[in-house]
């Protein structure tokens, strides 16, 4: 695929008031991150050095912090650095939300964000039985994207929503659905408010479920 004509497109999900936005990660970024993740996992010293599991709530095989230089990489001459691409996604997410507000919000949306601050980012390697209980993140905006997926999850061979992510908002009421499950797919990334509660269900099949996640804030 020629990425010189690549255009950013976001798909809005609003199962409840907080907005979720879905983007497609260009393949060169996926390959870059997977190559990076594979190198860390295969090197015990590097794996221990970048181990981030003590700062996260998940019960998973590996959780590694992403080094800053990865964010400044350009895997394709027609694509921006990964940091700048995420910045474009973030700006689109913010503008979409603000344009749904009042005149003040819309005026801010026209100007866009002035600065994006990346707090922390990490890769999560999950195997059969791993899970993430309900939790929230720090910062203003968070994201979760998928780089690898077990065939059993991809092909719907798992029971019900095994391996899926689920967002939770509000309390149970008649005729109100306070949960929004999403089937993960390689190359998809979702942006959401950092405070939005979410969880990840375990799966049973063979293979690795690799996720990229990060927290950030913006200045207007």
N, C-alpha and C. Protein backbone atom coordinates (compact mmCIF):
# COMPACT_ATOMS: atom_id res chain seq x y z
N UNK A 1 0.84 -1.20 0.00
CA UNK A 1 0.00 0.00 0.00
C UNK A 1 0.88 1.25 0.00
N UNK A 2 0.52 2.25 -0.83
CA UNK A 2 1.28 3.48 -0.90
C UNK A 2 0.71 4.47 0.10
N UNK A 3 1.51 4.87 1.09
CA UNK A 3 1.01 5.72 2.16
C UNK A 3 1.14 7.21 1.86
N UNK A 4 1.61 7.58 0.67
CA UNK A 4 1.71 9.00 0.35
C UNK A 4 0.32 9.63 0.23
N UNK A 5 -0.69 8.84 -0.05
CA UNK A 5 -2.06 9.34 -0.16
C UNK A 5 -2.91 8.98 1.06
N UNK A 6 -2.23 8.58 2.14
CA UNK A 6 -2.95 8.16 3.35
C UNK A 6 -3.70 9.34 3.96
N UNK A 7 -4.96 9.13 4.29
CA UNK A 7 -5.76 10.15 4.95
C UNK A 7 -6.29 9.61 6.27
N UNK A 8 -6.20 10.45 7.30
CA UNK A 8 -6.66 10.06 8.63
C UNK A 8 -8.18 10.10 8.69
N UNK A 9 -8.78 9.02 9.13
CA UNK A 9 -10.23 8.96 9.27
C UNK A 9 -10.57 8.39 10.64
N UNK A 10 -11.42 9.09 11.36
CA UNK A 10 -11.84 8.63 12.68
C UNK A 10 -13.31 8.25 12.68
N UNK A 11 -13.63 7.17 13.36
CA UNK A 11 -15.01 6.71 13.48
C UNK A 11 -15.47 6.90 14.92
N UNK A 12 -16.54 7.64 15.09
CA UNK A 12 -17.02 7.97 16.44
C UNK A 12 -17.88 6.84 17.00
N UNK A 13 -17.65 6.50 18.26
CA UNK A 13 -18.49 5.56 19.01
C UNK A 13 -19.03 6.31 20.22
N UNK A 14 -20.35 6.41 20.35
CA UNK A 14 -20.95 7.08 21.51
C UNK A 14 -22.05 6.20 22.12
N UNK A 15 -21.64 5.09 22.75
CA UNK A 15 -22.63 4.23 23.40
C UNK A 15 -23.23 4.90 24.63
N UNK A 16 -22.50 5.86 25.19
CA UNK A 16 -22.98 6.70 26.29
C UNK A 16 -22.32 8.06 26.11
N UNK A 17 -22.47 8.98 27.04
CA UNK A 17 -21.99 10.34 26.84
C UNK A 17 -20.51 10.46 26.50
N UNK A 18 -19.60 9.80 27.22
CA UNK A 18 -18.18 9.91 26.85
C UNK A 18 -17.94 9.39 25.44
N UNK A 19 -17.15 10.15 24.67
CA UNK A 19 -16.91 9.77 23.28
C UNK A 19 -15.70 8.85 23.15
N UNK A 20 -15.83 7.82 22.34
CA UNK A 20 -14.73 6.95 21.94
C UNK A 20 -14.52 7.17 20.45
N UNK A 21 -13.27 7.18 20.02
CA UNK A 21 -13.01 7.35 18.59
C UNK A 21 -12.03 6.29 18.11
N UNK A 22 -12.38 5.68 17.00
CA UNK A 22 -11.61 4.57 16.42
C UNK A 22 -10.82 5.03 15.20
N UNK A 23 -9.54 4.64 15.17
CA UNK A 23 -8.68 4.94 14.02
C UNK A 23 -8.02 3.66 13.53
N UNK A 24 -7.57 3.68 12.27
CA UNK A 24 -6.80 2.58 11.70
C UNK A 24 -5.31 2.94 11.75
N UNK A 25 -4.51 2.10 12.39
CA UNK A 25 -3.07 2.33 12.45
C UNK A 25 -2.44 1.87 11.13
N UNK A 26 -1.73 2.75 10.43
CA UNK A 26 -1.06 2.32 9.20
C UNK A 26 -0.10 1.16 9.46
N UNK A 27 -0.04 0.24 8.53
CA UNK A 27 0.77 -0.98 8.69
C UNK A 27 2.23 -0.71 9.06
N UNK A 28 2.90 0.31 8.49
CA UNK A 28 4.30 0.53 8.88
C UNK A 28 4.49 0.78 10.38
N UNK A 29 3.53 1.45 11.02
CA UNK A 29 3.63 1.65 12.47
C UNK A 29 3.45 0.33 13.20
N UNK A 30 2.51 -0.49 12.73
CA UNK A 30 2.27 -1.79 13.36
C UNK A 30 3.52 -2.65 13.29
N UNK A 31 4.13 -2.70 12.11
CA UNK A 31 5.36 -3.49 11.94
C UNK A 31 6.48 -2.96 12.82
N UNK A 32 6.63 -1.65 12.88
CA UNK A 32 7.66 -1.03 13.70
C UNK A 32 7.49 -1.39 15.17
N UNK A 33 6.28 -1.30 15.67
CA UNK A 33 6.01 -1.57 17.08
C UNK A 33 6.15 -3.06 17.39
N UNK A 34 5.73 -3.92 16.46
CA UNK A 34 5.87 -5.35 16.69
C UNK A 34 7.34 -5.78 16.67
N UNK A 35 8.12 -5.23 15.76
CA UNK A 35 9.55 -5.53 15.74
C UNK A 35 10.20 -5.10 17.05
N UNK A 36 9.81 -3.94 17.53
CA UNK A 36 10.33 -3.42 18.80
C UNK A 36 9.91 -4.32 19.96
N UNK A 37 8.63 -4.68 20.00
CA UNK A 37 8.12 -5.55 21.06
C UNK A 37 8.76 -6.93 21.07
N UNK A 38 8.98 -7.48 19.88
CA UNK A 38 9.61 -8.81 19.77
C UNK A 38 11.04 -8.79 20.30
N UNK A 39 11.76 -7.71 20.00
CA UNK A 39 13.15 -7.60 20.46
C UNK A 39 13.22 -7.51 21.98
N UNK A 40 12.30 -6.79 22.57
CA UNK A 40 12.28 -6.67 24.03
C UNK A 40 11.97 -8.02 24.66
N UNK A 41 10.95 -8.70 24.16
CA UNK A 41 10.52 -9.97 24.74
C UNK A 41 11.58 -11.05 24.63
N UNK A 42 12.42 -10.98 23.60
CA UNK A 42 13.43 -12.01 23.38
C UNK A 42 14.74 -11.73 24.13
N UNK A 43 14.81 -10.58 24.79
CA UNK A 43 16.02 -10.19 25.51
C UNK A 43 15.68 -10.04 27.00
N UNK A 44 16.10 -11.01 27.81
CA UNK A 44 15.75 -11.00 29.23
C UNK A 44 16.19 -9.73 29.93
N UNK A 45 17.40 -9.26 29.63
CA UNK A 45 17.93 -8.06 30.27
C UNK A 45 17.08 -6.84 29.92
N UNK A 46 16.77 -6.70 28.63
CA UNK A 46 15.96 -5.57 28.17
C UNK A 46 14.54 -5.67 28.72
N UNK A 47 14.01 -6.89 28.78
CA UNK A 47 12.66 -7.11 29.29
C UNK A 47 12.55 -6.67 30.75
N UNK A 48 13.55 -7.00 31.54
CA UNK A 48 13.55 -6.59 32.95
C UNK A 48 13.74 -5.09 33.09
N UNK A 49 14.59 -4.52 32.23
CA UNK A 49 14.87 -3.09 32.27
C UNK A 49 13.62 -2.26 31.99
N UNK A 50 12.80 -2.73 31.05
CA UNK A 50 11.61 -1.97 30.64
C UNK A 50 10.33 -2.49 31.27
N UNK A 51 10.45 -3.42 32.20
CA UNK A 51 9.27 -3.97 32.88
C UNK A 51 8.47 -2.86 33.56
N UNK A 52 7.20 -2.77 33.21
CA UNK A 52 6.32 -1.72 33.75
C UNK A 52 5.15 -2.32 34.52
N UNK A 53 5.19 -3.64 34.74
CA UNK A 53 4.06 -4.34 35.35
C UNK A 53 3.76 -3.88 36.78
N UNK A 54 4.78 -3.43 37.50
CA UNK A 54 4.56 -3.01 38.89
C UNK A 54 3.77 -1.70 38.97
N UNK A 55 3.62 -1.01 37.83
CA UNK A 55 2.85 0.23 37.80
C UNK A 55 1.45 0.05 37.20
N UNK A 56 1.15 -1.16 36.77
CA UNK A 56 -0.12 -1.43 36.10
C UNK A 56 -0.90 -2.50 36.85
N UNK A 57 -2.20 -2.52 36.60
CA UNK A 57 -3.08 -3.40 37.37
C UNK A 57 -3.28 -4.78 36.74
N UNK A 58 -2.91 -4.92 35.49
CA UNK A 58 -3.22 -6.15 34.77
C UNK A 58 -2.50 -7.40 35.27
N UNK A 59 -3.18 -8.53 35.12
CA UNK A 59 -2.59 -9.84 35.40
C UNK A 59 -2.23 -10.45 34.05
N UNK A 60 -1.05 -10.06 33.53
CA UNK A 60 -0.67 -10.45 32.18
C UNK A 60 0.78 -10.92 32.14
N UNK A 61 1.16 -11.53 31.00
CA UNK A 61 2.50 -12.10 30.85
C UNK A 61 3.60 -11.04 30.94
N UNK A 62 3.47 -9.96 30.15
CA UNK A 62 4.50 -8.92 30.12
C UNK A 62 3.87 -7.55 29.87
N UNK A 63 4.44 -6.54 30.51
CA UNK A 63 4.06 -5.15 30.27
C UNK A 63 5.34 -4.33 30.23
N UNK A 64 5.65 -3.76 29.07
CA UNK A 64 6.90 -3.04 28.89
C UNK A 64 6.66 -1.58 28.54
N UNK A 65 7.38 -0.70 29.21
CA UNK A 65 7.30 0.71 28.86
C UNK A 65 7.96 0.93 27.49
N UNK A 66 7.44 1.89 26.73
CA UNK A 66 7.97 2.19 25.40
C UNK A 66 8.97 3.33 25.52
N UNK A 67 10.16 3.12 25.01
CA UNK A 67 11.20 4.14 25.08
C UNK A 67 10.87 5.33 24.17
N UNK A 68 11.31 6.51 24.58
CA UNK A 68 10.95 7.74 23.88
C UNK A 68 11.36 7.76 22.41
N UNK A 69 12.51 7.14 22.08
CA UNK A 69 12.99 7.23 20.71
C UNK A 69 12.06 6.55 19.72
N UNK A 70 11.27 5.57 20.18
CA UNK A 70 10.32 4.89 19.30
C UNK A 70 9.27 5.87 18.79
N UNK A 71 8.89 6.80 19.65
CA UNK A 71 7.87 7.78 19.27
C UNK A 71 8.35 8.75 18.19
N UNK A 72 9.65 8.86 18.04
CA UNK A 72 10.20 9.79 17.05
C UNK A 72 10.59 9.10 15.74
N UNK A 73 10.31 7.81 15.64
CA UNK A 73 10.63 7.06 14.42
C UNK A 73 9.63 7.33 13.30
N UNK A 74 10.14 7.32 12.06
CA UNK A 74 9.31 7.42 10.86
C UNK A 74 9.52 6.12 10.07
N UNK A 75 8.58 5.19 10.16
CA UNK A 75 8.76 3.90 9.49
C UNK A 75 8.55 3.95 7.99
N UNK A 76 8.02 5.06 7.49
CA UNK A 76 7.75 5.20 6.06
C UNK A 76 7.96 6.66 5.69
N UNK A 77 8.57 6.91 4.54
CA UNK A 77 8.89 8.28 4.15
C UNK A 77 7.65 9.14 3.92
N UNK A 78 6.51 8.51 3.71
CA UNK A 78 5.27 9.25 3.46
C UNK A 78 4.44 9.42 4.73
N UNK A 79 4.94 8.93 5.86
CA UNK A 79 4.22 9.05 7.12
C UNK A 79 5.02 9.92 8.09
N UNK A 80 4.32 10.60 9.03
CA UNK A 80 5.02 11.38 10.04
C UNK A 80 5.60 10.47 11.12
N UNK A 81 6.31 11.05 12.07
CA UNK A 81 6.75 10.25 13.21
C UNK A 81 5.53 9.68 13.91
N UNK A 82 5.73 8.61 14.66
CA UNK A 82 4.59 8.01 15.37
C UNK A 82 3.97 9.01 16.33
N UNK A 83 4.81 9.82 16.99
CA UNK A 83 4.30 10.85 17.91
C UNK A 83 3.39 11.84 17.18
N UNK A 84 3.82 12.29 16.02
CA UNK A 84 3.01 13.26 15.26
C UNK A 84 1.73 12.64 14.73
N UNK A 85 1.80 11.35 14.35
CA UNK A 85 0.58 10.69 13.87
C UNK A 85 -0.44 10.59 15.01
N UNK A 86 0.04 10.21 16.19
CA UNK A 86 -0.86 10.15 17.34
C UNK A 86 -1.39 11.54 17.66
N UNK A 87 -0.56 12.58 17.44
CA UNK A 87 -1.01 13.95 17.64
C UNK A 87 -2.16 14.31 16.71
N UNK A 88 -2.09 13.86 15.45
CA UNK A 88 -3.19 14.10 14.51
C UNK A 88 -4.47 13.41 14.99
N UNK A 89 -4.33 12.18 15.47
CA UNK A 89 -5.49 11.45 15.99
C UNK A 89 -6.09 12.19 17.18
N UNK A 90 -5.22 12.64 18.08
CA UNK A 90 -5.67 13.33 19.29
C UNK A 90 -6.40 14.62 18.94
N UNK A 91 -5.86 15.38 17.98
CA UNK A 91 -6.49 16.62 17.56
C UNK A 91 -7.87 16.36 16.95
N UNK A 92 -7.96 15.31 16.16
CA UNK A 92 -9.25 14.94 15.56
C UNK A 92 -10.25 14.54 16.64
N UNK A 93 -9.79 13.77 17.62
CA UNK A 93 -10.64 13.35 18.74
C UNK A 93 -11.17 14.57 19.51
N UNK A 94 -10.26 15.47 19.87
CA UNK A 94 -10.63 16.66 20.65
C UNK A 94 -11.60 17.55 19.87
N UNK A 95 -11.29 17.80 18.59
CA UNK A 95 -12.14 18.66 17.77
C UNK A 95 -13.54 18.08 17.61
N UNK A 96 -13.61 16.77 17.43
CA UNK A 96 -14.91 16.12 17.26
C UNK A 96 -15.78 16.31 18.49
N UNK A 97 -15.17 16.17 19.67
CA UNK A 97 -15.92 16.36 20.91
C UNK A 97 -16.33 17.81 21.10
N UNK A 98 -15.40 18.75 20.89
CA UNK A 98 -15.69 20.16 21.11
C UNK A 98 -16.73 20.70 20.12
N UNK A 99 -16.69 20.22 18.88
CA UNK A 99 -17.66 20.68 17.89
C UNK A 99 -19.08 20.27 18.21
N UNK A 100 -19.23 19.37 19.17
CA UNK A 100 -20.56 18.95 19.61
C UNK A 100 -21.04 19.81 20.79
N UNK A 101 -20.20 20.80 21.19
CA UNK A 101 -20.53 21.63 22.34
C UNK A 101 -21.11 22.98 21.96
N UNK A 102 -20.92 23.97 22.87
CA UNK A 102 -21.46 25.31 22.65
C UNK A 102 -20.48 26.15 21.81
N UNK A 103 -20.78 27.47 21.68
CA UNK A 103 -19.96 28.34 20.83
C UNK A 103 -18.51 28.42 21.32
N UNK A 104 -18.32 28.46 22.64
CA UNK A 104 -16.96 28.54 23.19
C UNK A 104 -16.16 27.30 22.82
N UNK A 105 -16.81 26.14 22.97
CA UNK A 105 -16.15 24.89 22.61
C UNK A 105 -15.78 24.87 21.13
N UNK A 106 -16.70 25.33 20.30
CA UNK A 106 -16.47 25.31 18.85
C UNK A 106 -15.36 26.28 18.44
N UNK A 107 -15.25 27.40 19.15
CA UNK A 107 -14.18 28.34 18.86
C UNK A 107 -12.82 27.71 19.20
N UNK A 108 -12.77 26.97 20.31
CA UNK A 108 -11.54 26.28 20.69
C UNK A 108 -11.20 25.20 19.68
N UNK A 109 -12.25 24.52 19.19
CA UNK A 109 -12.05 23.44 18.22
C UNK A 109 -11.41 23.97 16.93
N UNK A 110 -11.80 25.18 16.51
CA UNK A 110 -11.24 25.76 15.30
C UNK A 110 -9.73 25.96 15.41
N UNK A 111 -9.28 26.33 16.60
CA UNK A 111 -7.85 26.58 16.82
C UNK A 111 -7.07 25.28 16.97
N UNK A 112 -7.73 24.25 17.49
CA UNK A 112 -7.06 22.97 17.70
C UNK A 112 -6.17 23.01 18.93
N UNK A 113 -5.50 21.90 19.21
CA UNK A 113 -4.64 21.84 20.38
C UNK A 113 -3.28 22.46 20.07
N UNK A 114 -2.68 23.10 21.07
CA UNK A 114 -1.37 23.73 20.90
C UNK A 114 -0.24 22.76 21.23
N UNK A 115 -0.50 21.86 22.17
CA UNK A 115 0.58 20.99 22.65
C UNK A 115 0.01 19.67 23.15
N UNK A 116 0.72 18.61 22.87
CA UNK A 116 0.33 17.29 23.39
C UNK A 116 1.45 16.79 24.30
N UNK A 117 1.07 16.38 25.49
CA UNK A 117 2.02 15.88 26.47
C UNK A 117 1.81 14.38 26.67
N UNK A 118 2.80 13.59 26.32
CA UNK A 118 2.73 12.14 26.49
C UNK A 118 3.26 11.79 27.88
N UNK A 119 2.39 11.20 28.71
CA UNK A 119 2.79 10.86 30.08
C UNK A 119 3.53 9.52 30.14
N UNK A 120 2.89 8.50 29.62
CA UNK A 120 3.50 7.17 29.66
C UNK A 120 2.88 6.31 28.58
N UNK A 121 3.68 5.38 28.07
CA UNK A 121 3.17 4.45 27.06
C UNK A 121 3.78 3.08 27.31
N UNK A 122 3.05 2.04 26.93
CA UNK A 122 3.53 0.69 27.20
C UNK A 122 2.92 -0.32 26.23
N UNK A 123 3.60 -1.46 26.11
CA UNK A 123 3.11 -2.60 25.34
C UNK A 123 2.69 -3.68 26.31
N UNK A 124 1.56 -4.31 26.04
CA UNK A 124 1.05 -5.40 26.88
C UNK A 124 1.03 -6.69 26.07
N UNK A 125 1.73 -7.70 26.55
CA UNK A 125 1.73 -9.02 25.91
C UNK A 125 0.90 -9.97 26.78
N UNK A 126 -0.22 -10.41 26.25
CA UNK A 126 -1.13 -11.28 27.00
C UNK A 126 -1.20 -12.66 26.35
N UNK A 127 -1.25 -13.69 27.20
CA UNK A 127 -1.44 -15.06 26.74
C UNK A 127 -2.71 -15.62 27.39
N UNK A 128 -3.04 -16.86 27.07
CA UNK A 128 -4.27 -17.48 27.57
C UNK A 128 -4.37 -17.33 29.09
N UNK A 129 -5.53 -16.85 29.55
CA UNK A 129 -5.79 -16.70 30.98
C UNK A 129 -5.50 -15.32 31.53
N UNK A 130 -4.72 -14.50 30.80
CA UNK A 130 -4.41 -13.16 31.27
C UNK A 130 -5.65 -12.26 31.18
N UNK A 131 -5.68 -11.25 32.05
CA UNK A 131 -6.83 -10.35 32.05
C UNK A 131 -6.46 -9.01 32.69
N UNK A 132 -7.31 -8.03 32.47
CA UNK A 132 -7.19 -6.72 33.11
C UNK A 132 -8.51 -6.43 33.81
N UNK A 133 -8.53 -6.30 35.13
CA UNK A 133 -9.78 -5.99 35.84
C UNK A 133 -10.22 -4.55 35.56
N UNK A 134 -11.43 -4.17 35.92
CA UNK A 134 -11.90 -2.80 35.68
C UNK A 134 -10.94 -1.78 36.30
N UNK A 135 -10.58 -0.78 35.50
CA UNK A 135 -9.64 0.23 35.96
C UNK A 135 -9.76 1.49 35.10
N UNK A 136 -9.09 2.56 35.53
CA UNK A 136 -9.03 3.80 34.77
C UNK A 136 -7.56 4.20 34.67
N UNK A 137 -7.28 5.22 33.85
CA UNK A 137 -5.91 5.68 33.65
C UNK A 137 -5.73 7.09 34.20
N UNK A 138 -4.51 7.60 34.11
CA UNK A 138 -4.21 8.97 34.50
C UNK A 138 -4.13 9.83 33.25
N UNK A 139 -3.99 11.15 33.43
CA UNK A 139 -3.95 12.05 32.29
C UNK A 139 -5.35 12.45 31.84
N UNK A 140 -5.46 13.02 30.65
CA UNK A 140 -6.75 13.46 30.10
C UNK A 140 -7.33 12.44 29.12
N UNK A 141 -6.47 11.92 28.25
CA UNK A 141 -6.90 11.02 27.19
C UNK A 141 -6.04 9.76 27.21
N UNK A 142 -6.67 8.64 26.97
CA UNK A 142 -5.94 7.37 26.86
C UNK A 142 -6.30 6.70 25.54
N UNK A 143 -5.51 5.70 25.19
CA UNK A 143 -5.78 4.95 23.96
C UNK A 143 -5.35 3.51 24.14
N UNK A 144 -6.01 2.64 23.41
CA UNK A 144 -5.64 1.22 23.38
C UNK A 144 -5.74 0.76 21.93
N UNK A 145 -4.65 0.19 21.43
CA UNK A 145 -4.63 -0.31 20.06
C UNK A 145 -4.03 -1.70 20.02
N UNK A 146 -4.31 -2.47 18.97
CA UNK A 146 -3.92 -3.87 18.93
C UNK A 146 -2.94 -4.14 17.80
N UNK A 147 -1.86 -4.85 18.18
CA UNK A 147 -0.77 -5.13 17.25
C UNK A 147 -0.68 -6.60 16.88
N UNK A 148 -1.10 -7.48 17.78
CA UNK A 148 -1.17 -8.92 17.52
C UNK A 148 -2.42 -9.47 18.20
N UNK A 149 -2.96 -10.56 17.61
CA UNK A 149 -4.18 -11.13 18.17
C UNK A 149 -4.19 -12.64 17.94
N UNK A 150 -4.54 -13.43 18.97
CA UNK A 150 -4.65 -14.87 18.78
C UNK A 150 -5.70 -15.21 17.72
N UNK A 151 -5.44 -16.21 16.89
CA UNK A 151 -6.41 -16.59 15.85
C UNK A 151 -7.79 -16.92 16.43
N UNK A 152 -7.82 -17.48 17.64
CA UNK A 152 -9.10 -17.87 18.23
C UNK A 152 -9.99 -16.66 18.51
N UNK A 153 -9.36 -15.52 18.81
CA UNK A 153 -10.12 -14.29 19.03
C UNK A 153 -10.53 -13.68 17.69
N UNK A 154 -9.60 -13.66 16.76
CA UNK A 154 -9.87 -13.10 15.43
C UNK A 154 -11.01 -13.83 14.73
N UNK A 155 -11.02 -15.17 14.86
CA UNK A 155 -11.99 -15.99 14.12
C UNK A 155 -13.24 -16.31 14.92
N UNK A 156 -13.42 -15.65 16.06
CA UNK A 156 -14.61 -15.85 16.91
C UNK A 156 -14.75 -17.30 17.36
N UNK A 157 -13.63 -17.93 17.66
CA UNK A 157 -13.65 -19.31 18.15
C UNK A 157 -13.68 -19.38 19.66
N UNK A 158 -13.58 -18.22 20.32
CA UNK A 158 -13.63 -18.16 21.77
C UNK A 158 -15.09 -18.12 22.26
N UNK A 159 -15.26 -18.37 23.53
CA UNK A 159 -16.60 -18.30 24.11
C UNK A 159 -16.99 -16.84 24.35
N UNK A 160 -18.13 -16.45 23.84
CA UNK A 160 -18.69 -15.11 24.02
C UNK A 160 -17.67 -14.02 23.71
N UNK A 161 -17.30 -13.17 24.68
CA UNK A 161 -16.45 -12.01 24.42
C UNK A 161 -15.05 -12.19 25.01
N UNK A 162 -14.55 -13.40 25.02
CA UNK A 162 -13.20 -13.66 25.54
C UNK A 162 -12.17 -12.90 24.72
N UNK A 163 -11.26 -12.21 25.40
CA UNK A 163 -10.22 -11.45 24.73
C UNK A 163 -10.63 -10.05 24.33
N UNK A 164 -11.90 -9.69 24.55
CA UNK A 164 -12.41 -8.38 24.17
C UNK A 164 -12.09 -7.34 25.25
N UNK A 165 -12.21 -6.06 24.88
CA UNK A 165 -12.15 -4.96 25.84
C UNK A 165 -13.58 -4.46 26.05
N UNK A 166 -13.88 -4.03 27.28
CA UNK A 166 -15.22 -3.53 27.56
C UNK A 166 -15.13 -2.22 28.34
N UNK A 167 -15.85 -1.21 27.86
CA UNK A 167 -15.92 0.09 28.53
C UNK A 167 -17.19 0.15 29.38
N UNK A 168 -17.07 0.79 30.54
CA UNK A 168 -18.17 0.83 31.51
C UNK A 168 -18.41 2.27 31.93
N UNK A 169 -19.68 2.69 31.90
CA UNK A 169 -20.01 4.04 32.34
C UNK A 169 -21.42 4.06 32.92
N UNK A 170 -21.55 4.61 34.12
CA UNK A 170 -22.86 4.68 34.75
C UNK A 170 -23.17 3.44 35.58
N UNK A 171 -24.44 3.31 35.96
CA UNK A 171 -24.90 2.18 36.78
C UNK A 171 -26.03 1.45 36.07
N UNK A 172 -26.25 0.18 36.39
CA UNK A 172 -27.29 -0.59 35.71
C UNK A 172 -28.70 -0.04 35.99
N UNK A 173 -29.46 0.11 34.94
CA UNK A 173 -30.86 0.52 35.04
C UNK A 173 -31.65 -0.21 33.95
N UNK A 174 -32.95 -0.30 34.15
CA UNK A 174 -33.80 -0.91 33.13
C UNK A 174 -33.71 -0.11 31.84
N UNK A 175 -33.51 -0.79 30.74
CA UNK A 175 -33.44 -0.22 29.40
C UNK A 175 -32.20 0.65 29.19
N UNK A 176 -31.22 0.56 30.09
CA UNK A 176 -29.97 1.30 29.94
C UNK A 176 -28.80 0.32 29.94
N UNK A 177 -27.99 0.38 28.90
CA UNK A 177 -26.82 -0.49 28.81
C UNK A 177 -25.60 0.33 29.22
N UNK A 178 -25.00 0.01 30.35
CA UNK A 178 -23.88 0.79 30.86
C UNK A 178 -22.53 0.19 30.46
N UNK A 179 -22.54 -0.84 29.62
CA UNK A 179 -21.31 -1.48 29.17
C UNK A 179 -21.23 -1.47 27.65
N UNK A 180 -20.01 -1.32 27.13
CA UNK A 180 -19.82 -1.30 25.68
C UNK A 180 -18.62 -2.17 25.32
N UNK A 181 -18.86 -3.43 24.98
CA UNK A 181 -17.75 -4.33 24.61
C UNK A 181 -17.30 -4.11 23.17
N UNK A 182 -16.00 -4.25 22.93
CA UNK A 182 -15.44 -4.08 21.59
C UNK A 182 -14.53 -5.26 21.29
N UNK A 183 -14.73 -5.87 20.14
CA UNK A 183 -13.84 -6.95 19.72
C UNK A 183 -12.55 -6.34 19.19
N UNK A 184 -11.40 -6.71 19.76
CA UNK A 184 -10.14 -6.14 19.29
C UNK A 184 -9.77 -6.67 17.92
N UNK A 185 -9.13 -5.83 17.14
CA UNK A 185 -8.71 -6.21 15.79
C UNK A 185 -7.36 -5.57 15.51
N UNK A 186 -6.44 -6.32 14.95
CA UNK A 186 -5.11 -5.80 14.66
C UNK A 186 -5.21 -4.57 13.76
N UNK A 187 -4.56 -3.49 14.19
CA UNK A 187 -4.57 -2.26 13.40
C UNK A 187 -5.59 -1.24 13.85
N UNK A 188 -6.46 -1.61 14.79
CA UNK A 188 -7.44 -0.66 15.31
C UNK A 188 -6.90 -0.03 16.60
N UNK A 189 -7.19 1.26 16.80
CA UNK A 189 -6.83 1.93 18.04
C UNK A 189 -8.00 2.82 18.46
N UNK A 190 -8.33 2.78 19.74
CA UNK A 190 -9.44 3.56 20.28
C UNK A 190 -8.93 4.61 21.25
N UNK A 191 -9.39 5.85 21.07
CA UNK A 191 -9.11 6.94 22.00
C UNK A 191 -10.32 7.13 22.90
N UNK A 192 -10.09 7.44 24.18
CA UNK A 192 -11.19 7.58 25.13
C UNK A 192 -10.73 8.44 26.31
N UNK A 193 -11.68 8.99 27.10
CA UNK A 193 -11.28 9.75 28.28
C UNK A 193 -10.52 8.85 29.25
N UNK A 194 -9.43 9.37 29.81
CA UNK A 194 -8.58 8.56 30.68
C UNK A 194 -9.33 8.02 31.89
N UNK A 195 -10.38 8.72 32.32
CA UNK A 195 -11.12 8.31 33.52
C UNK A 195 -12.17 7.24 33.23
N UNK A 196 -12.39 6.92 31.96
CA UNK A 196 -13.44 5.96 31.61
C UNK A 196 -13.03 4.54 32.02
N UNK A 197 -13.83 3.92 32.86
CA UNK A 197 -13.54 2.58 33.35
C UNK A 197 -13.61 1.57 32.21
N UNK A 198 -12.64 0.65 32.19
CA UNK A 198 -12.64 -0.40 31.17
C UNK A 198 -11.94 -1.64 31.72
N UNK A 199 -12.17 -2.76 31.07
CA UNK A 199 -11.56 -4.03 31.47
C UNK A 199 -11.29 -4.87 30.24
N UNK A 200 -10.43 -5.88 30.40
CA UNK A 200 -10.10 -6.79 29.30
C UNK A 200 -10.33 -8.21 29.77
N UNK A 201 -11.10 -8.96 29.00
CA UNK A 201 -11.45 -10.34 29.37
C UNK A 201 -10.36 -11.33 28.94
N UNK A 202 -10.18 -12.40 29.69
CA UNK A 202 -9.19 -13.43 29.30
C UNK A 202 -9.67 -14.24 28.11
N UNK A 203 -8.74 -14.87 27.43
CA UNK A 203 -9.07 -15.78 26.33
C UNK A 203 -8.41 -17.12 26.60
N UNK A 204 -8.76 -18.15 25.82
CA UNK A 204 -8.26 -19.50 26.08
C UNK A 204 -7.32 -20.02 24.98
N UNK A 205 -7.39 -19.45 23.81
CA UNK A 205 -6.64 -19.97 22.67
C UNK A 205 -5.14 -19.70 22.74
N UNK A 206 -4.42 -20.31 21.79
CA UNK A 206 -2.98 -20.11 21.70
C UNK A 206 -2.67 -18.80 20.99
N UNK A 207 -1.49 -18.27 21.28
CA UNK A 207 -1.07 -17.05 20.61
C UNK A 207 -0.95 -15.87 21.55
N UNK A 208 -0.50 -14.76 21.00
CA UNK A 208 -0.22 -13.56 21.77
C UNK A 208 -1.19 -12.44 21.40
N UNK A 209 -1.68 -11.78 22.42
CA UNK A 209 -2.51 -10.58 22.24
C UNK A 209 -1.65 -9.40 22.66
N UNK A 210 -1.18 -8.61 21.67
CA UNK A 210 -0.30 -7.47 22.00
C UNK A 210 -1.07 -6.16 21.82
N UNK A 211 -0.99 -5.35 22.85
CA UNK A 211 -1.70 -4.07 22.87
C UNK A 211 -0.71 -2.94 23.10
N UNK A 212 -0.94 -1.81 22.45
CA UNK A 212 -0.23 -0.59 22.80
C UNK A 212 -1.20 0.31 23.53
N UNK A 213 -0.74 0.91 24.61
CA UNK A 213 -1.59 1.81 25.39
C UNK A 213 -0.76 3.00 25.86
N UNK A 214 -1.42 4.13 26.04
CA UNK A 214 -0.71 5.32 26.51
C UNK A 214 -1.69 6.33 27.10
N UNK A 215 -1.13 7.24 27.90
CA UNK A 215 -1.89 8.32 28.52
C UNK A 215 -1.28 9.64 28.08
N UNK A 216 -2.13 10.64 27.81
CA UNK A 216 -1.62 11.94 27.41
C UNK A 216 -2.55 13.05 27.85
N UNK A 217 -2.04 14.27 27.81
CA UNK A 217 -2.83 15.46 28.08
C UNK A 217 -2.59 16.45 26.95
N UNK A 218 -3.46 17.44 26.83
CA UNK A 218 -3.31 18.44 25.79
C UNK A 218 -3.44 19.84 26.39
N UNK A 219 -2.86 20.80 25.68
CA UNK A 219 -3.00 22.21 26.04
C UNK A 219 -3.62 22.94 24.87
N UNK A 220 -4.52 23.89 25.18
CA UNK A 220 -5.23 24.62 24.12
C UNK A 220 -4.65 26.03 23.96
